[in-house]
Amino acid sequence: APIPAYAAGWMQDGGRTAYELEDGSRPKDTWMELEG
């Protein structure tokens, strides 16, 4: 099976907003700066 590739960016999950990193993980319990 091919290894899935991820593109970092915003995503919707159950009506809530998350941010997916390049490795497929999400930042949790943390601050993050995006585009200033």
Full PDB file with SEQRES, HELIX, SHEET, SSBOND, CRYST1, ORIGX, SCALE, CONECT and MASTER records, all heavy atoms in Angstrom:
SEQRES   1 A   36  ALA PRO ILE PRO ALA TYR ALA ALA GLY TRP MET GLN ASP          
SEQRES   2 A   36  GLY GLY ARG THR ALA TYR GLU LEU GLU ASP GLY SER ARG          
SEQRES   3 A   36  PRO LYS ASP THR TRP MET GLU LEU GLU GLY                      
SHEET    1 AA1 2 GLY A   9  ASP A  13  0                                        
SHEET    2 AA1 2 ARG A  16  GLU A  20 -1                                        
CRYST1    1.000    1.000    1.000  90.00  90.00  90.00 P 1           1          
ORIGX1      1.000000  0.000000  0.000000        0.00000                         
ORIGX2      0.000000  1.000000  0.000000        0.00000                         
ORIGX3      0.000000  0.000000  1.000000        0.00000                         
SCALE1      1.000000  0.000000  0.000000        0.00000                         
SCALE2      0.000000  1.000000  0.000000        0.00000                         
SCALE3      0.000000  0.000000  1.000000        0.00000                         
ATOM      1  N   ALA A   1       0.849  -1.197   0.000  1.00  0.00           N  
ATOM      2  CA  ALA A   1       0.000   0.000   0.000  1.00  0.00           C  
ATOM      3  C   ALA A   1       0.887   1.252   0.000  1.00  0.00           C  
ATOM      4  O   ALA A   1       1.896   1.297   0.712  1.00  0.00           O  
ATOM      5  CB  ALA A   1      -0.911   0.004   1.229  1.00  0.00           C  
ATOM      6  N   PRO A   2       0.562   2.238  -0.795  1.00  0.00           N  
ATOM      7  CA  PRO A   2       1.393   3.444  -0.828  1.00  0.00           C  
ATOM      8  C   PRO A   2       1.318   4.199   0.494  1.00  0.00           C  
ATOM      9  O   PRO A   2       0.296   4.196   1.181  1.00  0.00           O  
ATOM     10  CB  PRO A   2       0.753   4.268  -1.956  1.00  0.00           C  
ATOM     11  CG  PRO A   2      -0.657   3.783  -2.014  1.00  0.00           C  
ATOM     12  CD  PRO A   2      -0.596   2.322  -1.672  1.00  0.00           C  
ATOM     13  N   ILE A   3       2.425   4.801   0.874  1.00  0.00           N  
ATOM     14  CA  ILE A   3       2.462   5.613   2.097  1.00  0.00           C  
ATOM     15  C   ILE A   3       1.735   6.919   1.828  1.00  0.00           C  
ATOM     16  O   ILE A   3       2.053   7.621   0.876  1.00  0.00           O  
ATOM     17  CB  ILE A   3       3.919   5.898   2.515  1.00  0.00           C  
ATOM     18  CG1 ILE A   3       4.632   4.574   2.814  1.00  0.00           C  
ATOM     19  CG2 ILE A   3       3.958   6.829   3.721  1.00  0.00           C  
ATOM     20  CD1 ILE A   3       6.098   4.745   3.111  1.00  0.00           C  
ATOM     21  N   PRO A   4       0.727   7.238   2.644  1.00  0.00           N  
ATOM     22  CA  PRO A   4      -0.034   8.455   2.366  1.00  0.00           C  
ATOM     23  C   PRO A   4       0.828   9.701   2.506  1.00  0.00           C  
ATOM     24  O   PRO A   4       1.705   9.770   3.367  1.00  0.00           O  
ATOM     25  CB  PRO A   4      -1.145   8.431   3.425  1.00  0.00           C  
ATOM     26  CG  PRO A   4      -0.622   7.556   4.513  1.00  0.00           C  
ATOM     27  CD  PRO A   4       0.248   6.530   3.844  1.00  0.00           C  
ATOM     28  N   ALA A   5       0.593  10.676   1.635  1.00  0.00           N  
ATOM     29  CA  ALA A   5       1.317  11.948   1.689  1.00  0.00           C  
ATOM     30  C   ALA A   5       0.376  13.012   2.220  1.00  0.00           C  
ATOM     31  O   ALA A   5      -0.809  13.016   1.903  1.00  0.00           O  
ATOM     32  CB  ALA A   5       1.818  12.332   0.299  1.00  0.00           C  
ATOM     33  N   TYR A   6       0.901  13.922   3.045  1.00  0.00           N  
ATOM     34  CA  TYR A   6       0.084  14.954   3.652  1.00  0.00           C  
ATOM     35  C   TYR A   6       0.573  16.327   3.215  1.00  0.00           C  
ATOM     36  O   TYR A   6       1.760  16.553   3.036  1.00  0.00           O  
ATOM     37  CB  TYR A   6       0.147  14.856   5.183  1.00  0.00           C  
ATOM     38  CG  TYR A   6      -0.417  13.563   5.729  1.00  0.00           C  
ATOM     39  CD1 TYR A   6       0.416  12.478   5.983  1.00  0.00           C  
ATOM     40  CD2 TYR A   6      -1.773  13.417   5.962  1.00  0.00           C  
ATOM     41  CE1 TYR A   6      -0.098  11.282   6.484  1.00  0.00           C  
ATOM     42  CE2 TYR A   6      -2.295  12.232   6.460  1.00  0.00           C  
ATOM     43  CZ  TYR A   6      -1.456  11.171   6.717  1.00  0.00           C  
ATOM     44  OH  TYR A   6      -1.970   9.997   7.195  1.00  0.00           O  
ATOM     45  N   ALA A   7      -0.355  17.224   3.069  1.00  0.00           N  
ATOM     46  CA  ALA A   7      -0.038  18.627   2.815  1.00  0.00           C  
ATOM     47  C   ALA A   7      -0.538  19.414   4.012  1.00  0.00           C  
ATOM     48  O   ALA A   7      -1.715  19.336   4.377  1.00  0.00           O  
ATOM     49  CB  ALA A   7      -0.717  19.115   1.535  1.00  0.00           C  
ATOM     50  N   ALA A   8       0.370  20.132   4.657  1.00  0.00           N  
ATOM     51  CA  ALA A   8      -0.005  20.885   5.843  1.00  0.00           C  
ATOM     52  C   ALA A   8      -1.102  21.880   5.505  1.00  0.00           C  
ATOM     53  O   ALA A   8      -1.084  22.517   4.455  1.00  0.00           O  
ATOM     54  CB  ALA A   8       1.206  21.606   6.414  1.00  0.00           C  
ATOM     55  N   GLY A   9      -2.077  22.026   6.416  1.00  0.00           N  
ATOM     56  CA  GLY A   9      -3.130  22.993   6.183  1.00  0.00           C  
ATOM     57  C   GLY A   9      -4.311  22.784   7.111  1.00  0.00           C  
ATOM     58  O   GLY A   9      -4.372  21.824   7.888  1.00  0.00           O  
ATOM     59  N   TRP A  10      -5.249  23.729   7.031  1.00  0.00           N  
ATOM     60  CA  TRP A  10      -6.450  23.671   7.856  1.00  0.00           C  
ATOM     61  C   TRP A  10      -7.382  22.566   7.361  1.00  0.00           C  
ATOM     62  O   TRP A  10      -7.429  22.270   6.168  1.00  0.00           O  
ATOM     63  CB  TRP A  10      -7.173  25.008   7.820  1.00  0.00           C  
ATOM     64  CG  TRP A  10      -6.416  26.120   8.484  1.00  0.00           C  
ATOM     65  CD1 TRP A  10      -5.682  27.095   7.874  1.00  0.00           C  
ATOM     66  CD2 TRP A  10      -6.310  26.350   9.885  1.00  0.00           C  
ATOM     67  NE1 TRP A  10      -5.123  27.936   8.801  1.00  0.00           N  
ATOM     68  CE2 TRP A  10      -5.490  27.502  10.058  1.00  0.00           C  
ATOM     69  CE3 TRP A  10      -6.817  25.729  11.013  1.00  0.00           C  
ATOM     70  CZ2 TRP A  10      -5.183  28.018  11.301  1.00  0.00           C  
ATOM     71  CZ3 TRP A  10      -6.508  26.231  12.261  1.00  0.00           C  
ATOM     72  CH2 TRP A  10      -5.704  27.367  12.402  1.00  0.00           C  
ATOM     73  N   MET A  11      -8.146  21.999   8.291  1.00  0.00           N  
ATOM     74  CA  MET A  11      -9.098  20.952   7.944  1.00  0.00           C  
ATOM     75  C   MET A  11     -10.294  21.033   8.886  1.00  0.00           C  
ATOM     76  O   MET A  11     -10.218  21.606   9.977  1.00  0.00           O  
ATOM     77  CB  MET A  11      -8.440  19.573   8.044  1.00  0.00           C  
ATOM     78  CG  MET A  11      -7.935  19.225   9.446  1.00  0.00           C  
ATOM     79  SD  MET A  11      -7.270  17.549   9.567  1.00  0.00           S  
ATOM     80  CE  MET A  11      -8.754  16.585   9.284  1.00  0.00           C  
ATOM     81  N   GLN A  12     -11.418  20.495   8.453  1.00  0.00           N  
ATOM     82  CA  GLN A  12     -12.621  20.407   9.255  1.00  0.00           C  
ATOM     83  C   GLN A  12     -12.827  18.964   9.707  1.00  0.00           C  
ATOM     84  O   GLN A  12     -12.687  18.032   8.916  1.00  0.00           O  
ATOM     85  CB  GLN A  12     -13.841  20.889   8.464  1.00  0.00           C  
ATOM     86  CG  GLN A  12     -13.831  22.372   8.130  1.00  0.00           C  
ATOM     87  CD  GLN A  12     -13.977  23.223   9.372  1.00  0.00           C  
ATOM     88  OE1 GLN A  12     -14.840  22.972  10.231  1.00  0.00           O  
ATOM     89  NE2 GLN A  12     -13.144  24.250   9.484  1.00  0.00           N  
ATOM     90  N   ASP A  13     -13.162  18.795  10.974  1.00  0.00           N  
ATOM     91  CA  ASP A  13     -13.385  17.466  11.533  1.00  0.00           C  
ATOM     92  C   ASP A  13     -14.607  17.541  12.448  1.00  0.00           C  
ATOM     93  O   ASP A  13     -14.538  18.102  13.546  1.00  0.00           O  
ATOM     94  CB  ASP A  13     -12.147  17.019  12.320  1.00  0.00           C  
ATOM     95  CG  ASP A  13     -12.286  15.591  12.851  1.00  0.00           C  
ATOM     96  OD1 ASP A  13     -13.378  15.009  12.722  1.00  0.00           O  
ATOM     97  OD2 ASP A  13     -11.308  15.063  13.410  1.00  0.00           O  
ATOM     98  N   GLY A  14     -15.733  17.005  11.971  1.00  0.00           N  
ATOM     99  CA  GLY A  14     -16.938  17.041  12.780  1.00  0.00           C  
ATOM    100  C   GLY A  14     -17.432  18.437  13.074  1.00  0.00           C  
ATOM    101  O   GLY A  14     -17.972  18.691  14.152  1.00  0.00           O  
ATOM    102  N   GLY A  15     -17.222  19.346  12.131  1.00  0.00           N  
ATOM    103  CA  GLY A  15     -17.673  20.717  12.318  1.00  0.00           C  
ATOM    104  C   GLY A  15     -16.710  21.583  13.101  1.00  0.00           C  
ATOM    105  O   GLY A  15     -16.993  22.760  13.331  1.00  0.00           O  
ATOM    106  N   ARG A  16     -15.583  21.041  13.512  1.00  0.00           N  
ATOM    107  CA  ARG A  16     -14.573  21.815  14.243  1.00  0.00           C  
ATOM    108  C   ARG A  16     -13.317  21.936  13.391  1.00  0.00           C  
ATOM    109  O   ARG A  16     -13.074  21.133  12.488  1.00  0.00           O  
ATOM    110  CB  ARG A  16     -14.253  21.160  15.594  1.00  0.00           C  
ATOM    111  CG  ARG A  16     -15.465  20.998  16.489  1.00  0.00           C  
ATOM    112  CD  ARG A  16     -15.087  20.364  17.815  1.00  0.00           C  
ATOM    113  NE  ARG A  16     -14.224  21.257  18.593  1.00  0.00           N  
ATOM    114  CZ  ARG A  16     -13.655  20.891  19.755  1.00  0.00           C  
ATOM    115  NH1 ARG A  16     -13.830  19.653  20.219  1.00  0.00           N  
ATOM    116  NH2 ARG A  16     -12.901  21.753  20.415  1.00  0.00           N  
ATOM    117  N   THR A  17     -12.510  22.958  13.695  1.00  0.00           N  
ATOM    118  CA  THR A  17     -11.347  23.271  12.868  1.00  0.00           C  
ATOM    119  C   THR A  17     -10.066  22.760  13.523  1.00  0.00           C  
ATOM    120  O   THR A  17      -9.849  22.941  14.727  1.00  0.00           O  
ATOM    121  CB  THR A  17     -11.236  24.788  12.660  1.00  0.00           C  
ATOM    122  OG1 THR A  17     -12.441  25.262  12.051  1.00  0.00           O  
ATOM    123  CG2 THR A  17     -10.056  25.126  11.753  1.00  0.00           C  
ATOM    124  N   ALA A  18      -9.232  22.109  12.716  1.00  0.00           N  
ATOM    125  CA  ALA A  18      -7.928  21.622  13.176  1.00  0.00           C  
ATOM    126  C   ALA A  18      -6.885  21.987  12.124  1.00  0.00           C  
ATOM    127  O   ALA A  18      -7.221  22.456  11.031  1.00  0.00           O  
ATOM    128  CB  ALA A  18      -7.966  20.114  13.408  1.00  0.00           C  
ATOM    129  N   TYR A  19      -5.624  21.762  12.469  1.00  0.00           N  
ATOM    130  CA  TYR A  19      -4.533  22.021  11.528  1.00  0.00           C  
ATOM    131  C   TYR A  19      -3.685  20.761  11.427  1.00  0.00           C  
ATOM    132  O   TYR A  19      -3.224  20.211  12.437  1.00  0.00           O  
ATOM    133  CB  TYR A  19      -3.670  23.190  11.994  1.00  0.00           C  
ATOM    134  CG  TYR A  19      -2.671  23.642  10.948  1.00  0.00           C  
ATOM    135  CD1 TYR A  19      -3.038  24.578   9.989  1.00  0.00           C  
ATOM    136  CD2 TYR A  19      -1.387  23.117  10.900  1.00  0.00           C  
ATOM    137  CE1 TYR A  19      -2.147  24.984   9.007  1.00  0.00           C  
ATOM    138  CE2 TYR A  19      -0.492  23.521   9.917  1.00  0.00           C  
ATOM    139  CZ  TYR A  19      -0.877  24.449   8.978  1.00  0.00           C  
ATOM    140  OH  TYR A  19       0.005  24.849   7.995  1.00  0.00           O  
ATOM    141  N   GLU A  20      -3.503  20.288  10.212  1.00  0.00           N  
ATOM    142  CA  GLU A  20      -2.735  19.072   9.992  1.00  0.00           C  
ATOM    143  C   GLU A  20      -1.336  19.426   9.517  1.00  0.00           C  
ATOM    144  O   GLU A  20      -1.164  20.215   8.587  1.00  0.00           O  
ATOM    145  CB  GLU A  20      -3.441  18.179   8.973  1.00  0.00           C  
ATOM    146  CG  GLU A  20      -2.838  16.782   8.878  1.00  0.00           C  
ATOM    147  CD  GLU A  20      -3.717  15.860   8.046  1.00  0.00           C  
ATOM    148  OE1 GLU A  20      -3.834  16.095   6.836  1.00  0.00           O  
ATOM    149  OE2 GLU A  20      -4.300  14.915   8.611  1.00  0.00           O  
ATOM    150  N   LEU A  21      -0.332  18.829  10.167  1.00  0.00           N  
ATOM    151  CA  LEU A  21       1.066  19.065   9.805  1.00  0.00           C  
ATOM    152  C   LEU A  21       1.485  18.154   8.654  1.00  0.00           C  
ATOM    153  O   LEU A  21       0.741  17.263   8.239  1.00  0.00           O  
ATOM    154  CB  LEU A  21       1.950  18.832  11.027  1.00  0.00           C  
ATOM    155  CG  LEU A  21       1.633  19.705  12.246  1.00  0.00           C  
ATOM    156  CD1 LEU A  21       2.434  19.251  13.449  1.00  0.00           C  
ATOM    157  CD2 LEU A  21       1.896  21.167  11.938  1.00  0.00           C  
ATOM    158  N   GLU A  22       2.709  18.376   8.159  1.00  0.00           N  
ATOM    159  CA  GLU A  22       3.182  17.608   7.001  1.00  0.00           C  
ATOM    160  C   GLU A  22       3.242  16.112   7.272  1.00  0.00           C  
ATOM    161  O   GLU A  22       3.106  15.298   6.356  1.00  0.00           O  
ATOM    162  CB  GLU A  22       4.568  18.101   6.567  1.00  0.00           C  
ATOM    163  CG  GLU A  22       4.574  19.462   5.908  1.00  0.00           C  
ATOM    164  CD  GLU A  22       4.767  20.581   6.926  1.00  0.00           C  
ATOM    165  OE1 GLU A  22       4.568  20.337   8.140  1.00  0.00           O  
ATOM    166  OE2 GLU A  22       5.114  21.700   6.496  1.00  0.00           O  
ATOM    167  N   ASP A  23       3.465  15.725   8.545  1.00  0.00           N  
ATOM    168  CA  ASP A  23       3.567  14.299   8.856  1.00  0.00           C  
ATOM    169  C   ASP A  23       2.224  13.672   9.196  1.00  0.00           C  
ATOM    170  O   ASP A  23       2.146  12.513   9.593  1.00  0.00           O  
ATOM    171  CB  ASP A  23       4.558  14.072  10.001  1.00  0.00           C  
ATOM    172  CG  ASP A  23       4.133  14.761  11.290  1.00  0.00           C  
ATOM    173  OD1 ASP A  23       3.060  15.406  11.291  1.00  0.00           O  
ATOM    174  OD2 ASP A  23       4.874  14.667  12.281  1.00  0.00           O  
ATOM    175  N   GLY A  24       1.132  14.443   9.055  1.00  0.00           N  
ATOM    176  CA  GLY A  24      -0.191  13.911   9.318  1.00  0.00           C  
ATOM    177  C   GLY A  24      -0.667  14.093  10.744  1.00  0.00           C  
ATOM    178  O   GLY A  24      -1.819  13.799  11.050  1.00  0.00           O  
ATOM    179  N   SER A  25       0.207  14.588  11.637  1.00  0.00           N  
ATOM    180  CA  SER A  25      -0.196  14.810  13.022  1.00  0.00           C  
ATOM    181  C   SER A  25      -0.838  16.181  13.176  1.00  0.00           C  
ATOM    182  O   SER A  25      -0.843  16.986  12.238  1.00  0.00           O  
ATOM    183  CB  SER A  25       1.013  14.700  13.945  1.00  0.00           C  
ATOM    184  OG  SER A  25       1.928  15.765  13.675  1.00  0.00           O  
ATOM    185  N   ARG A  26      -1.389  16.431  14.360  1.00  0.00           N  
ATOM    186  CA  ARG A  26      -1.981  17.723  14.658  1.00  0.00           C  
ATOM    187  C   ARG A  26      -1.313  18.318  15.897  1.00  0.00           C  
ATOM    188  O   ARG A  26      -0.986  17.584  16.835  1.00  0.00           O  
ATOM    189  CB  ARG A  26      -3.475  17.579  14.944  1.00  0.00           C  
ATOM    190  CG  ARG A  26      -4.307  17.008  13.830  1.00  0.00           C  
ATOM    191  CD  ARG A  26      -5.764  16.944  14.282  1.00  0.00           C  
ATOM    192  NE  ARG A  26      -6.611  16.245  13.327  1.00  0.00           N  
ATOM    193  CZ  ARG A  26      -7.901  16.017  13.519  1.00  0.00           C  
ATOM    194  NH1 ARG A  26      -8.496  16.442  14.630  1.00  0.00           N  
ATOM    195  NH2 ARG A  26      -8.601  15.374  12.615  1.00  0.00           N  
ATOM    196  N   PRO A  27      -1.129  19.630  15.935  1.00  0.00           N  
ATOM    197  CA  PRO A  27      -0.656  20.255  17.171  1.00  0.00           C  
ATOM    198  C   PRO A  27      -1.735  20.149  18.242  1.00  0.00           C  
ATOM    199  O   PRO A  27      -2.911  20.378  17.970  1.00  0.00           O  
ATOM    200  CB  PRO A  27      -0.409  21.711  16.752  1.00  0.00           C  
ATOM    201  CG  PRO A  27      -1.289  21.923  15.566  1.00  0.00           C  
ATOM    202  CD  PRO A  27      -1.362  20.614  14.859  1.00  0.00           C  
ATOM    203  N   LYS A  28      -1.335  19.774  19.479  1.00  0.00           N  
ATOM    204  CA  LYS A  28      -2.288  19.606  20.568  1.00  0.00           C  
ATOM    205  C   LYS A  28      -1.777  20.288  21.826  1.00  0.00           C  
ATOM    206  O   LYS A  28      -0.573  20.244  22.122  1.00  0.00           O  
ATOM    207  CB  LYS A  28      -2.536  18.116  20.858  1.00  0.00           C  
ATOM    208  CG  LYS A  28      -3.171  17.354  19.712  1.00  0.00           C  
ATOM    209  CD  LYS A  28      -3.404  15.887  20.073  1.00  0.00           C  
ATOM    210  CE  LYS A  28      -4.071  15.140  18.910  1.00  0.00           C  
ATOM    211  NZ  LYS A  28      -4.315  13.711  19.250  1.00  0.00           N  
ATOM    212  N   ASP A  29      -2.708  20.913  22.553  1.00  0.00           N  
ATOM    213  CA  ASP A  29      -2.392  21.561  23.826  1.00  0.00           C  
ATOM    214  C   ASP A  29      -1.194  22.497  23.666  1.00  0.00           C  
ATOM    215  O   ASP A  29      -0.243  22.464  24.438  1.00  0.00           O  
ATOM    216  CB  ASP A  29      -2.110  20.504  24.897  1.00  0.00           C  
ATOM    217  CG  ASP A  29      -2.141  21.108  26.300  1.00  0.00           C  
ATOM    218  OD1 ASP A  29      -2.764  22.175  26.472  1.00  0.00           O  
ATOM    219  OD2 ASP A  29      -1.516  20.523  27.200  1.00  0.00           O  
ATOM    220  N   THR A  30      -1.257  23.358  22.633  1.00  0.00           N  
ATOM    221  CA  THR A  30      -0.100  24.198  22.312  1.00  0.00           C  
ATOM    222  C   THR A  30      -0.514  25.433  21.536  1.00  0.00           C  
ATOM    223  O   THR A  30      -1.586  25.470  20.919  1.00  0.00           O  
ATOM    224  CB  THR A  30       0.928  23.392  21.499  1.00  0.00           C  
ATOM    225  OG1 THR A  30       2.109  24.171  21.329  1.00  0.00           O  
ATOM    226  CG2 THR A  30       0.393  23.048  20.123  1.00  0.00           C  
ATOM    227  N   TRP A  31       0.337  26.451  21.596  1.00  0.00           N  
ATOM    228  CA  TRP A  31       0.204  27.626  20.739  1.00  0.00           C  
ATOM    229  C   TRP A  31       0.908  27.364  19.414  1.00  0.00           C  
ATOM    230  O   TRP A  31       1.911  26.654  19.370  1.00  0.00           O  
ATOM    231  CB  TRP A  31       0.851  28.844  21.396  1.00  0.00           C  
ATOM    232  CG  TRP A  31       0.101  29.404  22.559  1.00  0.00           C  
ATOM    233  CD1 TRP A  31       0.336  29.144  23.877  1.00  0.00           C  
ATOM    234  CD2 TRP A  31      -1.002  30.310  22.513  1.00  0.00           C  
ATOM    235  NE1 TRP A  31      -0.553  29.832  24.661  1.00  0.00           N  
ATOM    236  CE2 TRP A  31      -1.393  30.562  23.854  1.00  0.00           C  
ATOM    237  CE3 TRP A  31      -1.702  30.922  21.477  1.00  0.00           C  
ATOM    238  CZ2 TRP A  31      -2.441  31.415  24.174  1.00  0.00           C  
ATOM    239  CZ3 TRP A  31      -2.748  31.766  21.797  1.00  0.00           C  
ATOM    240  CH2 TRP A  31      -3.114  32.007  23.126  1.00  0.00           C  
ATOM    241  N   MET A  32       0.394  27.971  18.362  1.00  0.00           N  
ATOM    242  CA  MET A  32       1.034  27.828  17.056  1.00  0.00           C  
ATOM    243  C   MET A  32       0.839  29.120  16.266  1.00  0.00           C  
ATOM    244  O   MET A  32      -0.256  29.688  16.246  1.00  0.00           O  
ATOM    245  CB  MET A  32       0.439  26.650  16.290  1.00  0.00           C  
ATOM    246  CG  MET A  32       1.092  26.370  14.950  1.00  0.00           C  
ATOM    247  SD  MET A  32       0.431  24.850  14.206  1.00  0.00           S  
ATOM    248  CE  MET A  32       1.392  24.774  12.698  1.00  0.00           C  
ATOM    249  N   GLU A  33       1.901  29.598  15.640  1.00  0.00           N  
ATOM    250  CA  GLU A  33       1.838  30.799  14.815  1.00  0.00           C  
ATOM    251  C   GLU A  33       1.722  30.392  13.346  1.00  0.00           C  
ATOM    252  O   GLU A  33       2.543  29.630  12.837  1.00  0.00           O  
ATOM    253  CB  GLU A  33       3.066  31.669  14.993  1.00  0.00           C  
ATOM    254  CG  GLU A  33       2.963  32.989  14.233  1.00  0.00           C  
ATOM    255  CD  GLU A  33       4.279  33.746  14.215  1.00  0.00           C  
ATOM    256  OE1 GLU A  33       5.323  33.092  14.387  1.00  0.00           O  
ATOM    257  OE2 GLU A  33       4.255  34.963  14.033  1.00  0.00           O  
ATOM    258  N   LEU A  34       0.696  30.914  12.673  1.00  0.00           N  
ATOM    259  CA  LEU A  34       0.483  30.622  11.262  1.00  0.00           C  
ATOM    260  C   LEU A  34       0.285  31.933  10.522  1.00  0.00           C  
ATOM    261  O   LEU A  34      -0.645  32.681  10.824  1.00  0.00           O  
ATOM    262  CB  LEU A  34      -0.746  29.719  11.071  1.00  0.00           C  
ATOM    263  CG  LEU A  34      -0.640  28.306  11.640  1.00  0.00           C  
ATOM    264  CD1 LEU A  34      -2.002  27.647  11.667  1.00  0.00           C  
ATOM    265  CD2 LEU A  34       0.336  27.484  10.817  1.00  0.00           C  
ATOM    266  N   GLU A  35       1.180  32.207   9.588  1.00  0.00           N  
ATOM    267  CA  GLU A  35       1.081  33.391   8.741  1.00  0.00           C  
ATOM    268  C   GLU A  35       0.907  34.668   9.566  1.00  0.00           C  
ATOM    269  O   GLU A  35       0.095  35.533   9.258  1.00  0.00           O  
ATOM    270  CB  GLU A  35      -0.053  33.234   7.726  1.00  0.00           C  
ATOM    271  CG  GLU A  35       0.179  32.081   6.763  1.00  0.00           C  
ATOM    272  CD  GLU A  35      -0.941  31.926   5.753  1.00  0.00           C  
ATOM    273  OE1 GLU A  35      -2.000  32.555   5.941  1.00  0.00           O  
ATOM    274  OE2 GLU A  35      -0.758  31.165   4.789  1.00  0.00           O  
ATOM    275  N   GLY A  36       1.674  34.766  10.644  1.00  0.00           N  
ATOM    276  CA  GLY A  36       1.697  35.994  11.431  1.00  0.00           C  
ATOM    277  C   GLY A  36       0.634  36.098  12.499  1.00  0.00           C  
ATOM    278  O   GLY A  36       0.614  37.082  13.243  1.00  0.00           O  
TER     279      GLY A  36                                                      
MASTER        0    0    0    0    2    0    0    6  278    1    0    3          
END                                                                             
